[in-house]
């Protein structure tokens, strides 16, 4: 599995842009498959 740095993703995004991660595994102990949507509101 690969770790994702959300700060790196948001720094590359423009204001108002939407970024979607379709199959992400979230959780510290039990990994659950989730869909993550990141929306950058401001700079």
PDB file of N, CA and C in Angstrom:
ATOM      1  N   UNK A   1       0.826  -1.186   0.000  1.00  0.00           N
ATOM      2  CA  UNK A   1       0.000   0.000   0.000  1.00  0.00           C
ATOM      3  C   UNK A   1       0.868   1.246   0.000  1.00  0.00           C
ATOM      4  N   UNK A   2       0.343   2.282  -0.566  1.00  0.00           N
ATOM      5  CA  UNK A   2       1.058   3.543  -0.694  1.00  0.00           C
ATOM      6  C   UNK A   2       0.382   4.595   0.183  1.00  0.00           C
ATOM      7  N   UNK A   3       1.170   5.345   0.937  1.00  0.00           N
ATOM      8  CA  UNK A   3       0.621   6.427   1.750  1.00  0.00           C
ATOM      9  C   UNK A   3       0.495   7.684   0.903  1.00  0.00           C
ATOM     10  N   UNK A   4      -0.551   8.445   1.148  1.00  0.00           N
ATOM     11  CA  UNK A   4      -0.822   9.667   0.399  1.00  0.00           C
ATOM     12  C   UNK A   4      -0.667  10.858   1.330  1.00  0.00           C
ATOM     13  N   UNK A   5       0.083  11.854   0.882  1.00  0.00           N
ATOM     14  CA  UNK A   5       0.246  13.085   1.642  1.00  0.00           C
ATOM     15  C   UNK A   5      -0.767  14.101   1.115  1.00  0.00           C
ATOM     16  N   UNK A   6      -1.800  14.378   1.904  1.00  0.00           N
ATOM     17  CA  UNK A   6      -2.860  15.276   1.460  1.00  0.00           C
ATOM     18  C   UNK A   6      -2.371  16.704   1.281  1.00  0.00           C
ATOM     19  N   UNK A   7      -1.361  17.119   2.033  1.00  0.00           N
ATOM     20  CA  UNK A   7      -0.809  18.471   1.882  1.00  0.00           C
ATOM     21  C   UNK A   7      -0.192  18.640   0.501  1.00  0.00           C
ATOM     22  N   UNK A   8       0.501  17.631   0.010  1.00  0.00           N
ATOM     23  CA  UNK A   8       1.091  17.700  -1.335  1.00  0.00           C
ATOM     24  C   UNK A   8       0.011  17.804  -2.412  1.00  0.00           C
ATOM     25  N   UNK A   9      -1.060  17.057  -2.238  1.00  0.00           N
ATOM     26  CA  UNK A   9      -2.151  17.093  -3.212  1.00  0.00           C
ATOM     27  C   UNK A   9      -2.812  18.466  -3.219  1.00  0.00           C
ATOM     28  N   UNK A  10      -3.132  18.994  -2.044  1.00  0.00           N
ATOM     29  CA  UNK A  10      -3.832  20.279  -1.989  1.00  0.00           C
ATOM     30  C   UNK A  10      -2.955  21.434  -2.443  1.00  0.00           C
ATOM     31  N   UNK A  11      -1.649  21.342  -2.262  1.00  0.00           N
ATOM     32  CA  UNK A  11      -0.755  22.403  -2.734  1.00  0.00           C
ATOM     33  C   UNK A  11      -0.735  22.484  -4.258  1.00  0.00           C
ATOM     34  N   UNK A  12      -0.979  21.384  -4.933  1.00  0.00           N
ATOM     35  CA  UNK A  12      -0.970  21.349  -6.396  1.00  0.00           C
ATOM     36  C   UNK A  12      -2.321  21.726  -7.002  1.00  0.00           C
ATOM     37  N   UNK A  13      -3.352  21.779  -6.172  1.00  0.00           N
ATOM     38  CA  UNK A  13      -4.698  22.061  -6.663  1.00  0.00           C
ATOM     39  C   UNK A  13      -4.948  23.558  -6.771  1.00  0.00           C
ATOM     40  N   UNK A  14      -5.792  23.930  -7.738  1.00  0.00           N
ATOM     41  CA  UNK A  14      -6.219  25.322  -7.883  1.00  0.00           C
ATOM     42  C   UNK A  14      -7.449  25.556  -7.002  1.00  0.00           C
ATOM     43  N   UNK A  15      -7.725  26.805  -6.712  1.00  0.00           N
ATOM     44  CA  UNK A  15      -8.889  27.156  -5.903  1.00  0.00           C
ATOM     45  C   UNK A  15     -10.171  26.696  -6.602  1.00  0.00           C
ATOM     46  N   UNK A  16     -11.040  26.000  -5.866  1.00  0.00           N
ATOM     47  CA  UNK A  16     -12.292  25.501  -6.427  1.00  0.00           C
ATOM     48  C   UNK A  16     -12.183  24.158  -7.129  1.00  0.00           C
ATOM     49  N   UNK A  17     -10.999  23.583  -7.183  1.00  0.00           N
ATOM     50  CA  UNK A  17     -10.793  22.300  -7.867  1.00  0.00           C
ATOM     51  C   UNK A  17     -11.210  21.140  -6.972  1.00  0.00           C
ATOM     52  N   UNK A  18     -11.684  20.069  -7.598  1.00  0.00           N
ATOM     53  CA  UNK A  18     -12.094  18.859  -6.890  1.00  0.00           C
ATOM     54  C   UNK A  18     -11.170  17.718  -7.295  1.00  0.00           C
ATOM     55  N   UNK A  19     -10.711  16.933  -6.299  1.00  0.00           N
ATOM     56  CA  UNK A  19      -9.830  15.792  -6.541  1.00  0.00           C
ATOM     57  C   UNK A  19     -10.465  14.573  -5.881  1.00  0.00           C
ATOM     58  N   UNK A  20     -10.547  13.468  -6.610  1.00  0.00           N
ATOM     59  CA  UNK A  20     -11.185  12.265  -6.088  1.00  0.00           C
ATOM     60  C   UNK A  20     -10.210  11.096  -6.069  1.00  0.00           C
ATOM     61  N   UNK A  21     -10.201  10.371  -4.965  1.00  0.00           N
ATOM     62  CA  UNK A  21      -9.453   9.121  -4.840  1.00  0.00           C
ATOM     63  C   UNK A  21     -10.510   8.031  -4.691  1.00  0.00           C
ATOM     64  N   UNK A  22     -10.642   7.177  -5.713  1.00  0.00           N
ATOM     65  CA  UNK A  22     -11.751   6.221  -5.747  1.00  0.00           C
ATOM     66  C   UNK A  22     -11.579   5.051  -4.782  1.00  0.00           C
ATOM     67  N   UNK A  23     -10.421   4.468  -4.717  1.00  0.00           N
ATOM     68  CA  UNK A  23     -10.213   3.300  -3.856  1.00  0.00           C
ATOM     69  C   UNK A  23      -9.081   3.571  -2.883  1.00  0.00           C
ATOM     70  N   UNK A  24      -9.426   4.141  -1.740  1.00  0.00           N
ATOM     71  CA  UNK A  24      -8.434   4.409  -0.704  1.00  0.00           C
ATOM     72  C   UNK A  24      -8.763   3.549   0.509  1.00  0.00           C
ATOM     73  N   UNK A  25      -7.747   3.086   1.174  1.00  0.00           N
ATOM     74  CA  UNK A  25      -7.943   2.315   2.391  1.00  0.00           C
ATOM     75  C   UNK A  25      -7.641   3.220   3.571  1.00  0.00           C
ATOM     76  N   UNK A  26      -8.646   3.393   4.442  1.00  0.00           N
ATOM     77  CA  UNK A  26      -8.559   4.329   5.552  1.00  0.00           C
ATOM     78  C   UNK A  26      -8.717   3.557   6.853  1.00  0.00           C
ATOM     79  N   UNK A  27      -7.907   3.904   7.830  1.00  0.00           N
ATOM     80  CA  UNK A  27      -8.033   3.297   9.146  1.00  0.00           C
ATOM     81  C   UNK A  27      -6.689   2.939   9.720  1.00  0.00           C
ATOM     82  N   UNK A  28      -6.592   3.043  11.011  1.00  0.00           N
ATOM     83  CA  UNK A  28      -5.333   2.739  11.689  1.00  0.00           C
ATOM     84  C   UNK A  28      -5.208   1.244  11.979  1.00  0.00           C
ATOM     85  N   UNK A  29      -6.259   0.665  12.515  1.00  0.00           N
ATOM     86  CA  UNK A  29      -6.225  -0.756  12.869  1.00  0.00           C
ATOM     87  C   UNK A  29      -6.910  -1.591  11.787  1.00  0.00           C
ATOM     88  N   UNK A  30      -8.138  -1.238  11.472  1.00  0.00           N
ATOM     89  CA  UNK A  30      -8.891  -1.960  10.449  1.00  0.00           C
ATOM     90  C   UNK A  30      -8.979  -1.087   9.204  1.00  0.00           C
ATOM     91  N   UNK A  31      -8.403  -1.539   8.122  1.00  0.00           N
ATOM     92  CA  UNK A  31      -8.407  -0.781   6.868  1.00  0.00           C
ATOM     93  C   UNK A  31      -9.734  -0.992   6.150  1.00  0.00           C
ATOM     94  N   UNK A  32     -10.416   0.113   5.856  1.00  0.00           N
ATOM     95  CA  UNK A  32     -11.675   0.039   5.133  1.00  0.00           C
ATOM     96  C   UNK A  32     -11.540   0.787   3.819  1.00  0.00           C
ATOM     97  N   UNK A  33     -12.096   0.219   2.780  1.00  0.00           N
ATOM     98  CA  UNK A  33     -12.036   0.845   1.451  1.00  0.00           C
ATOM     99  C   UNK A  33     -13.034   2.005   1.418  1.00  0.00           C
ATOM    100  N   UNK A  34     -12.543   3.171   1.071  1.00  0.00           N
ATOM    101  CA  UNK A  34     -13.365   4.383   1.047  1.00  0.00           C
ATOM    102  C   UNK A  34     -13.133   5.161  -0.233  1.00  0.00           C
ATOM    103  N   UNK A  35     -14.037   6.055  -0.535  1.00  0.00           N
ATOM    104  CA  UNK A  35     -13.905   7.011  -1.641  1.00  0.00           C
ATOM    105  C   UNK A  35     -13.680   8.376  -0.999  1.00  0.00           C
ATOM    106  N   UNK A  36     -12.593   9.041  -1.371  1.00  0.00           N
ATOM    107  CA  UNK A  36     -12.232  10.321  -0.765  1.00  0.00           C
ATOM    108  C   UNK A  36     -12.363  11.419  -1.809  1.00  0.00           C
ATOM    109  N   UNK A  37     -13.060  12.489  -1.438  1.00  0.00           N
ATOM    110  CA  UNK A  37     -13.210  13.645  -2.316  1.00  0.00           C
ATOM    111  C   UNK A  37     -12.629  14.852  -1.593  1.00  0.00           C
ATOM    112  N   UNK A  38     -11.677  15.520  -2.247  1.00  0.00           N
ATOM    113  CA  UNK A  38     -11.027  16.700  -1.683  1.00  0.00           C
ATOM    114  C   UNK A  38     -11.442  17.899  -2.522  1.00  0.00           C
ATOM    115  N   UNK A  39     -11.943  18.930  -1.849  1.00  0.00           N
ATOM    116  CA  UNK A  39     -12.371  20.154  -2.525  1.00  0.00           C
ATOM    117  C   UNK A  39     -11.599  21.313  -1.925  1.00  0.00           C
ATOM    118  N   UNK A  40     -10.840  22.032  -2.736  1.00  0.00           N
ATOM    119  CA  UNK A  40     -10.037  23.147  -2.238  1.00  0.00           C
ATOM    120  C   UNK A  40     -10.858  24.430  -2.333  1.00  0.00           C
ATOM    121  N   UNK A  41     -11.163  25.014  -1.178  1.00  0.00           N
ATOM    122  CA  UNK A  41     -11.999  26.206  -1.133  1.00  0.00           C
ATOM    123  C   UNK A  41     -11.209  27.478  -1.403  1.00  0.00           C
ATOM    124  N   UNK A  42     -10.049  27.622  -0.763  1.00  0.00           N
ATOM    125  CA  UNK A  42      -9.257  28.852  -0.886  1.00  0.00           C
ATOM    126  C   UNK A  42      -7.802  28.516  -1.135  1.00  0.00           C
ATOM    127  N   UNK A  43      -6.999  29.563  -1.354  1.00  0.00           N
ATOM    128  CA  UNK A  43      -5.571  29.370  -1.594  1.00  0.00           C
ATOM    129  C   UNK A  43      -4.914  28.914  -0.378  1.00  0.00           C
TER     130      UNK A  43
END
